[in-house]
Structure formats: structure tokens, C-alpha cells
Amino acid sequence: MTHPVLLQIDFDYAGPWGEDLAAAAAPLAADIAAEPALIWKIWTENREEGVAGGWYAFTSREAADTYLAKHSARLHAFGVDSVRARFLNPNSALGALTRSPLS
């Protein structure tokens, strides 16, 4: 059985933020939503620290690796040079106690 893999990505970002980012990134969000192995994405932003990114759940590490390569290239094309990524595995037993959607 394959277990979900979490991918956390963040990068230095100067804006736009909030609703302005939502409007500007709607086509990007549609493209990300079409990733075949994506379970979900949570978009993240921190205006005070000047960072944005997201938490992703994928069906496999291979799918997450493939997506990271694609998204890193896309971000670099947008002028983002500071892409940071981490892969993590959820603990489903503990997640079940705290209402995780991956339990």
C-alpha cells in the first residue's frame, strides 16, 4: 500500500498577497489542481517574512518528486531563485486523534 507524501515548498516572495494573489494565481491553481497524483494543496503566505508557498499531499514520493521538478522550473521562470522543499510522511495514527484528513 502506498502512503501519502507531504511536500512543503516555500520561497522568498514580494507579493501580491491575499485576495490579490488569489486573483493573480487562479490559472496556476487550476494547473496545480490538475496534477493527477495531487490529493490537496494548502496555499501559504507570510507577508511579514516575505515568503509564500504551500503544503501538498501526493499519492506517492515519485509523484511529489515529479511535481517538485516541474514547479521549481516554473518558479525559476517566474524569477524565483529561492525555492526550498521538504518531504515528510504523515503519522496516520496520531493524525486520527487530531482530525487529519490523511488518517
PDB file of N, CA and C in Angstrom:
ATOM      1  N   MET A   1       0.845  -1.185   0.000  1.00  0.00           N
ATOM      2  CA  MET A   1       0.000   0.000   0.000  1.00  0.00           C
ATOM      3  C   MET A   1       0.892   1.252   0.000  1.00  0.00           C
ATOM      4  N   THR A   2       0.575   2.205  -0.850  1.00  0.00           N
ATOM      5  CA  THR A   2       1.309   3.462  -0.918  1.00  0.00           C
ATOM      6  C   THR A   2       0.737   4.439   0.108  1.00  0.00           C
ATOM      7  N   HIS A   3       1.627   5.097   0.826  1.00  0.00           N
ATOM      8  CA  HIS A   3       1.196   6.085   1.814  1.00  0.00           C
ATOM      9  C   HIS A   3       1.367   7.481   1.236  1.00  0.00           C
ATOM     10  N   PRO A   4       0.479   8.401   1.596  1.00  0.00           N
ATOM     11  CA  PRO A   4       0.627   9.761   1.094  1.00  0.00           C
ATOM     12  C   PRO A   4       1.970  10.360   1.527  1.00  0.00           C
ATOM     13  N   VAL A   5       2.454  11.277   0.712  1.00  0.00           N
ATOM     14  CA  VAL A   5       3.684  12.002   0.999  1.00  0.00           C
ATOM     15  C   VAL A   5       3.347  13.487   1.030  1.00  0.00           C
ATOM     16  N   LEU A   6       3.845  14.176   2.041  1.00  0.00           N
ATOM     17  CA  LEU A   6       3.668  15.619   2.139  1.00  0.00           C
ATOM     18  C   LEU A   6       4.895  16.304   1.568  1.00  0.00           C
ATOM     19  N   LEU A   7       4.650  17.335   0.797  1.00  0.00           N
ATOM     20  CA  LEU A   7       5.708  18.165   0.237  1.00  0.00           C
ATOM     21  C   LEU A   7       5.448  19.586   0.703  1.00  0.00           C
ATOM     22  N   GLN A   8       6.443  20.182   1.351  1.00  0.00           N
ATOM     23  CA  GLN A   8       6.343  21.571   1.773  1.00  0.00           C
ATOM     24  C   GLN A   8       7.297  22.381   0.915  1.00  0.00           C
ATOM     25  N   ILE A   9       6.772  23.427   0.264  1.00  0.00           N
ATOM     26  CA  ILE A   9       7.581  24.316  -0.571  1.00  0.00           C
ATOM     27  C   ILE A   9       7.386  25.740  -0.067  1.00  0.00           C
ATOM     28  N   ASP A  10       8.488  26.476   0.046  1.00  0.00           N
ATOM     29  CA  ASP A  10       8.363  27.914   0.258  1.00  0.00           C
ATOM     30  C   ASP A  10       9.486  28.625  -0.468  1.00  0.00           C
ATOM     31  N   PHE A  11       9.282  29.911  -0.666  1.00  0.00           N
ATOM     32  CA  PHE A  11      10.244  30.715  -1.414  1.00  0.00           C
ATOM     33  C   PHE A  11      10.056  32.178  -1.036  1.00  0.00           C
ATOM     34  N   ASP A  12      11.116  32.958  -1.235  1.00  0.00           N
ATOM     35  CA  ASP A  12      11.043  34.394  -0.999  1.00  0.00           C
ATOM     36  C   ASP A  12      10.072  34.990  -2.008  1.00  0.00           C
ATOM     37  N   TYR A  13       9.226  35.912  -1.518  1.00  0.00           N
ATOM     38  CA  TYR A  13       8.152  36.425  -2.358  1.00  0.00           C
ATOM     39  C   TYR A  13       7.806  37.842  -1.915  1.00  0.00           C
ATOM     40  N   ALA A  14       7.620  38.738  -2.865  1.00  0.00           N
ATOM     41  CA  ALA A  14       7.332  40.139  -2.557  1.00  0.00           C
ATOM     42  C   ALA A  14       5.863  40.514  -2.751  1.00  0.00           C
ATOM     43  N   GLY A  15       5.019  39.576  -3.135  1.00  0.00           N
ATOM     44  CA  GLY A  15       3.611  39.867  -3.318  1.00  0.00           C
ATOM     45  C   GLY A  15       3.232  39.723  -4.783  1.00  0.00           C
ATOM     46  N   PRO A  16       1.953  39.811  -5.080  1.00  0.00           N
ATOM     47  CA  PRO A  16       0.828  40.264  -4.270  1.00  0.00           C
ATOM     48  C   PRO A  16       0.418  39.254  -3.204  1.00  0.00           C
ATOM     49  N   TRP A  17      -0.458  39.689  -2.317  1.00  0.00           N
ATOM     50  CA  TRP A  17      -0.868  38.886  -1.166  1.00  0.00           C
ATOM     51  C   TRP A  17      -2.397  38.758  -1.114  1.00  0.00           C
ATOM     52  N   GLY A  18      -2.844  37.816  -0.323  1.00  0.00           N
ATOM     53  CA  GLY A  18      -4.274  37.673  -0.038  1.00  0.00           C
ATOM     54  C   GLY A  18      -5.123  37.537  -1.281  1.00  0.00           C
ATOM     55  N   GLU A  19      -6.192  38.341  -1.337  1.00  0.00           N
ATOM     56  CA  GLU A  19      -7.134  38.275  -2.461  1.00  0.00           C
ATOM     57  C   GLU A  19      -6.471  38.638  -3.786  1.00  0.00           C
ATOM     58  N   ASP A  20      -5.492  39.542  -3.744  1.00  0.00           N
ATOM     59  CA  ASP A  20      -4.791  39.904  -4.979  1.00  0.00           C
ATOM     60  C   ASP A  20      -3.995  38.710  -5.511  1.00  0.00           C
ATOM     61  N   LEU A  21      -3.363  37.971  -4.608  1.00  0.00           N
ATOM     62  CA  LEU A  21      -2.650  36.756  -5.015  1.00  0.00           C
ATOM     63  C   LEU A  21      -3.638  35.723  -5.538  1.00  0.00           C
ATOM     64  N   ALA A  22      -4.773  35.567  -4.858  1.00  0.00           N
ATOM     65  CA  ALA A  22      -5.775  34.593  -5.302  1.00  0.00           C
ATOM     66  C   ALA A  22      -6.232  34.895  -6.733  1.00  0.00           C
ATOM     67  N   ALA A  23      -6.451  36.159  -7.030  1.00  0.00           N
ATOM     68  CA  ALA A  23      -6.882  36.528  -8.382  1.00  0.00           C
ATOM     69  C   ALA A  23      -5.768  36.282  -9.397  1.00  0.00           C
ATOM     70  N   ALA A  24      -4.550  36.681  -9.049  1.00  0.00           N
ATOM     71  CA  ALA A  24      -3.431  36.537  -9.986  1.00  0.00           C
ATOM     72  C   ALA A  24      -3.049  35.080 -10.218  1.00  0.00           C
ATOM     73  N   ALA A  25      -3.185  34.243  -9.187  1.00  0.00           N
ATOM     74  CA  ALA A  25      -2.724  32.855  -9.271  1.00  0.00           C
ATOM     75  C   ALA A  25      -3.821  31.860  -9.628  1.00  0.00           C
ATOM     76  N   ALA A  26      -5.019  32.321  -9.951  1.00  0.00           N
ATOM     77  CA  ALA A  26      -6.110  31.392 -10.281  1.00  0.00           C
ATOM     78  C   ALA A  26      -5.748  30.437 -11.422  1.00  0.00           C
ATOM     79  N   PRO A  27      -5.139  30.899 -12.515  1.00  0.00           N
ATOM     80  CA  PRO A  27      -4.752  29.939 -13.561  1.00  0.00           C
ATOM     81  C   PRO A  27      -3.708  28.930 -13.077  1.00  0.00           C
ATOM     82  N   LEU A  28      -2.769  29.390 -12.254  1.00  0.00           N
ATOM     83  CA  LEU A  28      -1.783  28.475 -11.685  1.00  0.00           C
ATOM     84  C   LEU A  28      -2.466  27.444 -10.793  1.00  0.00           C
ATOM     85  N   ALA A  29      -3.409  27.880  -9.980  1.00  0.00           N
ATOM     86  CA  ALA A  29      -4.136  26.962  -9.102  1.00  0.00           C
ATOM     87  C   ALA A  29      -4.876  25.900  -9.915  1.00  0.00           C
ATOM     88  N   ALA A  30      -5.467  26.298 -11.033  1.00  0.00           N
ATOM     89  CA  ALA A  30      -6.166  25.338 -11.889  1.00  0.00           C
ATOM     90  C   ALA A  30      -5.192  24.305 -12.444  1.00  0.00           C
ATOM     91  N   ASP A  31      -3.996  24.748 -12.830  1.00  0.00           N
ATOM     92  CA  ASP A  31      -2.984  23.818 -13.340  1.00  0.00           C
ATOM     93  C   ASP A  31      -2.529  22.860 -12.242  1.00  0.00           C
ATOM     94  N   ILE A  32      -2.291  23.379 -11.051  1.00  0.00           N
ATOM     95  CA  ILE A  32      -1.872  22.523  -9.937  1.00  0.00           C
ATOM     96  C   ILE A  32      -2.969  21.516  -9.598  1.00  0.00           C
ATOM     97  N   ALA A  33      -4.221  21.962  -9.599  1.00  0.00           N
ATOM     98  CA  ALA A  33      -5.340  21.070  -9.275  1.00  0.00           C
ATOM     99  C   ALA A  33      -5.445  19.907 -10.264  1.00  0.00           C
ATOM    100  N   ALA A  34      -4.930  20.085 -11.474  1.00  0.00           N
ATOM    101  CA  ALA A  34      -4.993  19.027 -12.490  1.00  0.00           C
ATOM    102  C   ALA A  34      -3.885  17.986 -12.344  1.00  0.00           C
ATOM    103  N   GLU A  35      -2.955  18.187 -11.414  1.00  0.00           N
ATOM    104  CA  GLU A  35      -1.902  17.178 -11.204  1.00  0.00           C
ATOM    105  C   GLU A  35      -2.558  15.854 -10.828  1.00  0.00           C
ATOM    106  N   PRO A  36      -2.290  14.785 -11.568  1.00  0.00           N
ATOM    107  CA  PRO A  36      -3.025  13.536 -11.353  1.00  0.00           C
ATOM    108  C   PRO A  36      -2.819  12.901  -9.980  1.00  0.00           C
ATOM    109  N   ALA A  37      -1.682  13.080  -9.351  1.00  0.00           N
ATOM    110  CA  ALA A  37      -1.414  12.422  -8.077  1.00  0.00           C
ATOM    111  C   ALA A  37      -1.572  13.362  -6.881  1.00  0.00           C
ATOM    112  N   LEU A  38      -2.052  14.590  -7.123  1.00  0.00           N
ATOM    113  CA  LEU A  38      -2.255  15.534  -6.034  1.00  0.00           C
ATOM    114  C   LEU A  38      -3.521  15.189  -5.263  1.00  0.00           C
ATOM    115  N   ILE A  39      -3.410  15.087  -3.954  1.00  0.00           N
ATOM    116  CA  ILE A  39      -4.576  14.881  -3.089  1.00  0.00           C
ATOM    117  C   ILE A  39      -5.165  16.234  -2.720  1.00  0.00           C
ATOM    118  N   TRP A  40      -4.306  17.144  -2.271  1.00  0.00           N
ATOM    119  CA  TRP A  40      -4.699  18.515  -1.953  1.00  0.00           C
ATOM    120  C   TRP A  40      -3.476  19.399  -1.831  1.00  0.00           C
ATOM    121  N   LYS A  41      -3.731  20.718  -1.861  1.00  0.00           N
ATOM    122  CA  LYS A  41      -2.695  21.719  -1.600  1.00  0.00           C
ATOM    123  C   LYS A  41      -3.276  22.764  -0.664  1.00  0.00           C
ATOM    124  N   ILE A  42      -2.480  23.186   0.298  1.00  0.00           N
ATOM    125  CA  ILE A  42      -2.793  24.333   1.139  1.00  0.00           C
ATOM    126  C   ILE A  42      -1.822  25.437   0.747  1.00  0.00           C
ATOM    127  N   TRP A  43      -2.342  26.572   0.327  1.00  0.00           N
ATOM    128  CA  TRP A  43      -1.512  27.721  -0.067  1.00  0.00           C
ATOM    129  C   TRP A  43      -1.101  28.473   1.190  1.00  0.00           C
ATOM    130  N   THR A  44       0.171  28.885   1.253  1.00  0.00           N
ATOM    131  CA  THR A  44       0.668  29.601   2.424  1.00  0.00           C
ATOM    132  C   THR A  44       1.316  30.914   2.010  1.00  0.00           C
ATOM    133  N   GLU A  45       1.222  31.905   2.899  1.00  0.00           N
ATOM    134  CA  GLU A  45       1.888  33.184   2.675  1.00  0.00           C
ATOM    135  C   GLU A  45       2.166  33.838   4.012  1.00  0.00           C
ATOM    136  N   ASN A  46       3.269  34.577   4.057  1.00  0.00           N
ATOM    137  CA  ASN A  46       3.635  35.334   5.244  1.00  0.00           C
ATOM    138  C   ASN A  46       4.226  36.656   4.764  1.00  0.00           C
ATOM    139  N   ARG A  47       3.387  37.662   4.745  1.00  0.00           N
ATOM    140  CA  ARG A  47       3.788  38.978   4.237  1.00  0.00           C
ATOM    141  C   ARG A  47       4.936  39.561   5.058  1.00  0.00           C
ATOM    142  N   GLU A  48       4.889  39.384   6.382  1.00  0.00           N
ATOM    143  CA  GLU A  48       5.923  39.952   7.250  1.00  0.00           C
ATOM    144  C   GLU A  48       7.300  39.361   6.961  1.00  0.00           C
ATOM    145  N   GLU A  49       7.370  38.081   6.662  1.00  0.00           N
ATOM    146  CA  GLU A  49       8.651  37.427   6.364  1.00  0.00           C
ATOM    147  C   GLU A  49       8.972  37.437   4.872  1.00  0.00           C
ATOM    148  N   GLY A  50       8.004  37.815   4.041  1.00  0.00           N
ATOM    149  CA  GLY A  50       8.218  37.847   2.601  1.00  0.00           C
ATOM    150  C   GLY A  50       8.400  36.469   1.999  1.00  0.00           C
ATOM    151  N   VAL A  51       7.546  35.531   2.419  1.00  0.00           N
ATOM    152  CA  VAL A  51       7.604  34.178   1.866  1.00  0.00           C
ATOM    153  C   VAL A  51       6.198  33.713   1.485  1.00  0.00           C
ATOM    154  N   ALA A  52       6.154  32.818   0.515  1.00  0.00           N
ATOM    155  CA  ALA A  52       4.916  32.176   0.097  1.00  0.00           C
ATOM    156  C   ALA A  52       5.249  30.741  -0.265  1.00  0.00           C
ATOM    157  N   GLY A  53       4.222  29.934  -0.447  1.00  0.00           N
ATOM    158  CA  GLY A  53       4.443  28.546  -0.822  1.00  0.00           C
ATOM    159  C   GLY A  53       3.213  27.710  -0.560  1.00  0.00           C
ATOM    160  N   GLY A  54       3.447  26.485  -0.122  1.00  0.00           N
ATOM    161  CA  GLY A  54       2.314  25.620   0.145  1.00  0.00           C
ATOM    162  C   GLY A  54       2.707  24.278   0.719  1.00  0.00           C
ATOM    163  N   TRP A  55       1.702  23.612   1.242  1.00  0.00           N
ATOM    164  CA  TRP A  55       1.789  22.220   1.689  1.00  0.00           C
ATOM    165  C   TRP A  55       0.964  21.402   0.706  1.00  0.00           C
ATOM    166  N   TYR A  56       1.556  20.318   0.222  1.00  0.00           N
ATOM    167  CA  TYR A  56       0.917  19.450  -0.759  1.00  0.00           C
ATOM    168  C   TYR A  56       0.865  18.036  -0.202  1.00  0.00           C
ATOM    169  N   ALA A  57      -0.177  17.314  -0.538  1.00  0.00           N
ATOM    170  CA  ALA A  57      -0.241  15.872  -0.274  1.00  0.00           C
ATOM    171  C   ALA A  57      -0.330  15.173  -1.629  1.00  0.00           C
ATOM    172  N   PHE A  58       0.580  14.232  -1.838  1.00  0.00           N
ATOM    173  CA  PHE A  58       0.614  13.446  -3.069  1.00  0.00           C
ATOM    174  C   PHE A  58       0.435  11.972  -2.736  1.00  0.00           C
ATOM    175  N   THR A  59       0.022  11.209  -3.730  1.00  0.00           N
ATOM    176  CA  THR A  59      -0.208   9.786  -3.524  1.00  0.00           C
ATOM    177  C   THR A  59       1.081   8.995  -3.377  1.00  0.00           C
ATOM    178  N   SER A  60       2.219   9.547  -3.825  1.00  0.00           N
ATOM    179  CA  SER A  60       3.488   8.820  -3.725  1.00  0.00           C
ATOM    180  C   SER A  60       4.666   9.795  -3.727  1.00  0.00           C
ATOM    181  N   ARG A  61       5.810   9.320  -3.277  1.00  0.00           N
ATOM    182  CA  ARG A  61       7.033  10.129  -3.311  1.00  0.00           C
ATOM    183  C   ARG A  61       7.430  10.416  -4.752  1.00  0.00           C
ATOM    184  N   GLU A  62       7.265   9.442  -5.630  1.00  0.00           N
ATOM    185  CA  GLU A  62       7.614   9.645  -7.031  1.00  0.00           C
ATOM    186  C   GLU A  62       6.803  10.795  -7.638  1.00  0.00           C
ATOM    187  N   ALA A  63       5.524  10.830  -7.343  1.00  0.00           N
ATOM    188  CA  ALA A  63       4.671  11.905  -7.853  1.00  0.00           C
ATOM    189  C   ALA A  63       5.093  13.252  -7.277  1.00  0.00           C
ATOM    190  N   ALA A  64       5.429  13.272  -5.997  1.00  0.00           N
ATOM    191  CA  ALA A  64       5.879  14.515  -5.360  1.00  0.00           C
ATOM    192  C   ALA A  64       7.198  14.989  -5.962  1.00  0.00           C
ATOM    193  N   ASP A  65       8.122  14.063  -6.224  1.00  0.00           N
ATOM    194  CA  ASP A  65       9.397  14.417  -6.865  1.00  0.00           C
ATOM    195  C   ASP A  65       9.168  15.023  -8.251  1.00  0.00           C
ATOM    196  N   THR A  66       8.299  14.391  -9.021  1.00  0.00           N
ATOM    197  CA  THR A  66       7.985  14.876 -10.368  1.00  0.00           C
ATOM    198  C   THR A  66       7.394  16.275 -10.309  1.00  0.00           C
ATOM    199  N   TYR A  67       6.463  16.480  -9.384  1.00  0.00           N
ATOM    200  CA  TYR A  67       5.839  17.789  -9.250  1.00  0.00           C
ATOM    201  C   TYR A  67       6.858  18.839  -8.799  1.00  0.00           C
ATOM    202  N   LEU A  68       7.714  18.492  -7.846  1.00  0.00           N
ATOM    203  CA  LEU A  68       8.712  19.451  -7.370  1.00  0.00           C
ATOM    204  C   LEU A  68       9.602  19.920  -8.515  1.00  0.00           C
ATOM    205  N   ALA A  69      10.033  19.018  -9.361  1.00  0.00           N
ATOM    206  CA  ALA A  69      10.861  19.412 -10.506  1.00  0.00           C
ATOM    207  C   ALA A  69      10.097  20.362 -11.424  1.00  0.00           C
ATOM    208  N   LYS A  70       8.847  20.034 -11.720  1.00  0.00           N
ATOM    209  CA  LYS A  70       8.019  20.873 -12.591  1.00  0.00           C
ATOM    210  C   LYS A  70       7.789  22.247 -11.975  1.00  0.00           C
ATOM    211  N   HIS A  71       7.411  22.272 -10.710  1.00  0.00           N
ATOM    212  CA  HIS A  71       7.064  23.539 -10.064  1.00  0.00           C
ATOM    213  C   HIS A  71       8.306  24.396  -9.817  1.00  0.00           C
ATOM    214  N   SER A  72       9.417  23.775  -9.486  1.00  0.00           N
ATOM    215  CA  SER A  72      10.660  24.536  -9.300  1.00  0.00           C
ATOM    216  C   SER A  72      11.056  25.227 -10.594  1.00  0.00           C
ATOM    217  N   ALA A  73      10.959  24.517 -11.711  1.00  0.00           N
ATOM    218  CA  ALA A  73      11.279  25.118 -13.011  1.00  0.00           C
ATOM    219  C   ALA A  73      10.331  26.275 -13.309  1.00  0.00           C
ATOM    220  N   ARG A  74       9.063  26.090 -13.008  1.00  0.00           N
ATOM    221  CA  ARG A  74       8.078  27.153 -13.243  1.00  0.00           C
ATOM    222  C   ARG A  74       8.389  28.370 -12.372  1.00  0.00           C
ATOM    223  N   LEU A  75       8.693  28.137 -11.099  1.00  0.00           N
ATOM    224  CA  LEU A  75       9.018  29.253 -10.207  1.00  0.00           C
ATOM    225  C   LEU A  75      10.276  29.984 -10.665  1.00  0.00           C
ATOM    226  N   HIS A  76      11.287  29.224 -11.096  1.00  0.00           N
ATOM    227  CA  HIS A  76      12.504  29.852 -11.611  1.00  0.00           C
ATOM    228  C   HIS A  76      12.183  30.711 -12.835  1.00  0.00           C
ATOM    229  N   ALA A  77      11.277  30.244 -13.692  1.00  0.00           N
ATOM    230  CA  ALA A  77      10.871  31.023 -14.862  1.00  0.00           C
ATOM    231  C   ALA A  77      10.158  32.310 -14.453  1.00  0.00           C
ATOM    232  N   PHE A  78       9.493  32.287 -13.278  1.00  0.00           N
ATOM    233  CA  PHE A  78       8.839  33.485 -12.742  1.00  0.00           C
ATOM    234  C   PHE A  78       9.835  34.410 -12.053  1.00  0.00           C
ATOM    235  N   GLY A  79      11.114  33.995 -11.975  1.00  0.00           N
ATOM    236  CA  GLY A  79      12.130  34.814 -11.330  1.00  0.00           C
ATOM    237  C   GLY A  79      12.384  34.475  -9.881  1.00  0.00           C
ATOM    238  N   VAL A  80      11.841  33.361  -9.411  1.00  0.00           N
ATOM    239  CA  VAL A  80      12.037  32.930  -8.021  1.00  0.00           C
ATOM    240  C   VAL A  80      13.287  32.057  -7.951  1.00  0.00           C
ATOM    241  N   ASP A  81      14.284  32.511  -7.201  1.00  0.00           N
ATOM    242  CA  ASP A  81      15.548  31.775  -7.110  1.00  0.00           C
ATOM    243  C   ASP A  81      15.728  31.033  -5.792  1.00  0.00           C
ATOM    244  N   SER A  82      14.792  31.154  -4.889  1.00  0.00           N
ATOM    245  CA  SER A  82      14.997  30.651  -3.530  1.00  0.00           C
ATOM    246  C   SER A  82      14.017  29.541  -3.143  1.00  0.00           C
ATOM    247  N   VAL A  83      13.773  28.579  -4.018  1.00  0.00           N
ATOM    248  CA  VAL A  83      12.813  27.510  -3.740  1.00  0.00           C
ATOM    249  C   VAL A  83      13.401  26.541  -2.703  1.00  0.00           C
ATOM    250  N   ARG A  84      12.661  26.356  -1.613  1.00  0.00           N
ATOM    251  CA  ARG A  84      13.057  25.408  -0.563  1.00  0.00           C
ATOM    252  C   ARG A  84      11.969  24.343  -0.459  1.00  0.00           C
ATOM    253  N   ALA A  85      12.374  23.086  -0.326  1.00  0.00           N
ATOM    254  CA  ALA A  85      11.393  21.997  -0.289  1.00  0.00           C
ATOM    255  C   ALA A  85      11.789  20.963   0.755  1.00  0.00           C
ATOM    256  N   ARG A  86      10.766  20.343   1.336  1.00  0.00           N
ATOM    257  CA  ARG A  86      10.951  19.246   2.290  1.00  0.00           C
ATOM    258  C   ARG A  86       9.893  18.186   2.013  1.00  0.00           C
ATOM    259  N   PHE A  87      10.283  16.934   2.161  1.00  0.00           N
ATOM    260  CA  PHE A  87       9.350  15.818   2.052  1.00  0.00           C
ATOM    261  C   PHE A  87       9.137  15.255   3.446  1.00  0.00           C
ATOM    262  N   LEU A  88       7.890  14.968   3.777  1.00  0.00           N
ATOM    263  CA  LEU A  88       7.558  14.413   5.079  1.00  0.00           C
ATOM    264  C   LEU A  88       6.491  13.339   4.908  1.00  0.00           C
ATOM    265  N   ASN A  89       6.431  12.437   5.869  1.00  0.00           N
ATOM    266  CA  ASN A  89       5.402  11.412   5.871  1.00  0.00           C
ATOM    267  C   ASN A  89       4.457  11.648   7.035  1.00  0.00           C
ATOM    268  N   PRO A  90       3.154  11.585   6.792  1.00  0.00           N
ATOM    269  CA  PRO A  90       2.207  11.779   7.889  1.00  0.00           C
ATOM    270  C   PRO A  90       2.170  10.563   8.810  1.00  0.00           C
ATOM    271  N   ASN A  91       1.932  10.807  10.092  1.00  0.00           N
ATOM    272  CA  ASN A  91       1.704   9.743  11.060  1.00  0.00           C
ATOM    273  C   ASN A  91       0.192   9.610  11.194  1.00  0.00           C
ATOM    274  N   SER A  92      -0.378   8.636  10.496  1.00  0.00           N
ATOM    275  CA  SER A  92      -1.836   8.491  10.420  1.00  0.00           C
ATOM    276  C   SER A  92      -2.473   8.165  11.762  1.00  0.00           C
ATOM    277  N   ALA A  93      -1.791   7.395  12.598  1.00  0.00           N
ATOM    278  CA  ALA A  93      -2.358   7.037  13.908  1.00  0.00           C
ATOM    279  C   ALA A  93      -2.548   8.281  14.766  1.00  0.00           C
ATOM    280  N   LEU A  94      -1.538   9.127  14.823  1.00  0.00           N
ATOM    281  CA  LEU A  94      -1.676  10.357  15.591  1.00  0.00           C
ATOM    282  C   LEU A  94      -2.610  11.336  14.887  1.00  0.00           C
ATOM    283  N   GLY A  95      -2.549  11.371  13.559  1.00  0.00           N
ATOM    284  CA  GLY A  95      -3.432  12.243  12.808  1.00  0.00           C
ATOM    285  C   GLY A  95      -4.898  11.943  13.049  1.00  0.00           C
ATOM    286  N   ALA A  96      -5.224  10.687  13.244  1.00  0.00           N
ATOM    287  CA  ALA A  96      -6.616  10.310  13.516  1.00  0.00           C
ATOM    288  C   ALA A  96      -7.111  10.949  14.816  1.00  0.00           C
ATOM    289  N   LEU A  97      -6.212  11.152  15.754  1.00  0.00           N
ATOM    290  CA  LEU A  97      -6.586  11.762  17.037  1.00  0.00           C
ATOM    291  C   LEU A  97      -6.760  13.275  16.917  1.00  0.00           C
ATOM    292  N   THR A  98      -6.207  13.876  15.883  1.00  0.00           N
ATOM    293  CA  THR A  98      -6.244  15.335  15.750  1.00  0.00           C
ATOM    294  C   THR A  98      -6.940  15.802  14.463  1.00  0.00           C
ATOM    295  N   ARG A  99      -7.807  14.967  13.908  1.00  0.00           N
ATOM    296  CA  ARG A  99      -8.661  15.285  12.766  1.00  0.00           C
ATOM    297  C   ARG A  99      -7.904  15.499  11.455  1.00  0.00           C
ATOM    298  N   SER A 100      -6.817  14.820  11.243  1.00  0.00           N
ATOM    299  CA  SER A 100      -6.078  14.940   9.990  1.00  0.00           C
ATOM    300  C   SER A 100      -6.902  14.383   8.835  1.00  0.00           C
ATOM    301  N   PRO A 101      -6.872  15.060   7.679  1.00  0.00           N
ATOM    302  CA  PRO A 101      -7.565  14.496   6.520  1.00  0.00           C
ATOM    303  C   PRO A 101      -6.834  13.287   5.935  1.00  0.00           C
ATOM    304  N   LEU A 102      -5.625  12.985   6.416  1.00  0.00           N
ATOM    305  CA  LEU A 102      -4.855  11.847   5.907  1.00  0.00           C
ATOM    306  C   LEU A 102      -4.885  10.658   6.844  1.00  0.00           C
ATOM    307  N   SER A 103      -5.836  10.611   7.750  1.00  0.00           N
ATOM    308  CA  SER A 103      -5.919   9.490   8.704  1.00  0.00           C
ATOM    309  C   SER A 103      -6.528   8.263   8.057  1.00  0.00           C
TER     310      SER A 103
END
